[in-house]
């Protein structure tokens, strides 16, 4: 599936835009980091502390499976012992709130 021109820019989604007439070079790892196009000029990017923190949070979230194994083990033991008593009212409230979020 291709996603084209989602922002009405005439460019395909994901195509890098630097500015008027400039082309950026993207490198992962070593490289000069210089912009192509004008001889002798180079552009640099400095990330704020918040941007670095956000990037780290994204990396952490992608590496985490999202499964809380301690909670799963606890609930599994409760179900197996017959002591698990879910609160149907809370479940219904969460389902309704989820539906409301989807509709708004």
Protein backbone atom coordinates (compact mmCIF):
# COMPACT_ATOMS: atom_id res chain seq x y z
CA UNK A 1 0.00 0.00 0.00
CA UNK A 2 1.42 3.37 -0.98
CA UNK A 3 0.47 6.53 0.82
CA UNK A 4 0.94 9.44 -1.51
CA UNK A 5 0.51 13.15 -0.96
CA UNK A 6 -1.22 12.99 2.42
CA UNK A 7 -0.30 16.58 3.19
CA UNK A 8 -1.18 18.01 -0.23
CA UNK A 9 2.44 18.83 -0.95
CA UNK A 10 2.74 16.93 -4.21
CA UNK A 11 5.38 14.71 -2.62
CA UNK A 12 5.06 11.11 -1.52
CA UNK A 13 4.63 10.41 2.17
CA UNK A 14 7.99 10.00 3.83
CA UNK A 15 9.92 12.00 1.26
CA UNK A 16 12.27 14.32 3.08
CA UNK A 17 11.78 18.06 2.72
CA UNK A 18 14.48 20.45 3.88
CA UNK A 19 13.49 23.78 2.47
CA UNK A 20 13.28 25.72 -0.74
CA UNK A 21 15.51 23.98 -3.25
CA UNK A 22 17.76 22.25 -0.71
CA UNK A 23 18.38 18.53 -0.58
CA UNK A 24 19.44 16.82 2.61
CA UNK A 25 21.63 13.78 2.95
CA UNK A 26 20.51 11.24 5.49
CA UNK A 27 23.16 9.00 6.94
CA UNK A 28 23.13 6.42 9.64
CA UNK A 29 26.46 6.19 11.31
CA UNK A 30 29.56 7.77 9.84
CA UNK A 31 29.46 10.38 7.14
CA UNK A 32 30.24 13.97 6.48
CA UNK A 33 26.74 15.21 7.30
CA UNK A 34 27.05 17.91 4.66
CA UNK A 35 24.10 18.98 2.60
CA UNK A 36 24.29 18.28 -1.10
CA UNK A 37 23.72 21.10 -3.49
CA UNK A 38 25.72 24.14 -2.54
CA UNK A 39 29.48 23.74 -2.40
CA UNK A 40 31.17 24.37 0.92
CA UNK A 41 28.04 24.81 3.02
CA UNK A 42 26.90 22.41 5.68
CA UNK A 43 23.80 22.20 7.81
CA UNK A 44 23.66 20.87 11.31
CA UNK A 45 20.79 19.73 13.47
CA UNK A 46 20.81 20.02 17.24
CA UNK A 47 18.16 18.16 19.19
CA UNK A 48 16.76 19.59 22.39
CA UNK A 49 16.80 17.61 25.60
CA UNK A 50 13.06 17.00 25.20
CA UNK A 51 13.55 15.61 21.70
CA UNK A 52 16.30 13.29 22.92
CA UNK A 53 14.10 12.15 25.79
CA UNK A 54 11.20 11.53 23.39
CA UNK A 55 13.47 9.54 21.03
CA UNK A 56 14.65 7.41 23.97
CA UNK A 57 11.04 6.82 25.07
CA UNK A 58 10.14 5.69 21.55
CA UNK A 59 13.11 3.28 21.46
CA UNK A 60 12.17 1.90 24.88
CA UNK A 61 8.52 1.45 23.88
CA UNK A 62 9.49 -0.35 20.67
CA UNK A 63 11.81 -2.72 22.51
CA UNK A 64 9.22 -3.53 25.23
CA UNK A 65 6.77 -6.33 24.50
CA UNK A 66 4.10 -4.59 26.57
CA UNK A 67 3.38 -7.73 28.60
CA UNK A 68 3.51 -7.33 32.36
CA UNK A 69 4.60 -10.87 33.18
CA UNK A 70 4.29 -10.36 36.93
CA UNK A 71 0.64 -9.25 36.58
CA UNK A 72 -0.13 -12.07 34.12
CA UNK A 73 1.27 -14.64 36.56
CA UNK A 74 -0.72 -13.13 39.43
CA UNK A 75 -3.99 -13.19 37.48
CA UNK A 76 -3.31 -16.69 36.16
CA UNK A 77 -2.87 -17.97 39.71
CA UNK A 78 -6.13 -16.29 40.79
CA UNK A 79 -8.05 -17.83 37.87
CA UNK A 80 -6.61 -21.29 38.51
CA UNK A 81 -7.51 -21.11 42.21
CA UNK A 82 -11.03 -19.87 41.42
CA UNK A 83 -10.51 -16.65 43.37
CA UNK A 84 -10.57 -14.28 40.40
CA UNK A 85 -13.65 -12.07 40.66
CA UNK A 86 -13.67 -9.45 37.89
CA UNK A 87 -15.68 -6.29 38.53
CA UNK A 88 -18.28 -6.37 35.75
CA UNK A 89 -19.27 -2.75 36.41
CA UNK A 90 -15.69 -1.54 35.83
CA UNK A 91 -15.44 -3.66 32.68
CA UNK A 92 -18.68 -2.20 31.31
CA UNK A 93 -17.54 1.35 32.12
CA UNK A 94 -14.22 0.85 30.33
CA UNK A 95 -15.96 -0.65 27.28
CA UNK A 96 -18.37 2.29 27.09
CA UNK A 97 -15.57 4.84 27.50
CA UNK A 98 -13.63 3.09 24.76
CA UNK A 99 -16.63 3.29 22.44
CA UNK A 100 -17.18 6.96 23.24
CA UNK A 101 -13.53 7.69 22.41
CA UNK A 102 -13.90 5.92 19.08
CA UNK A 103 -17.01 7.92 18.17
CA UNK A 104 -15.60 11.32 19.07
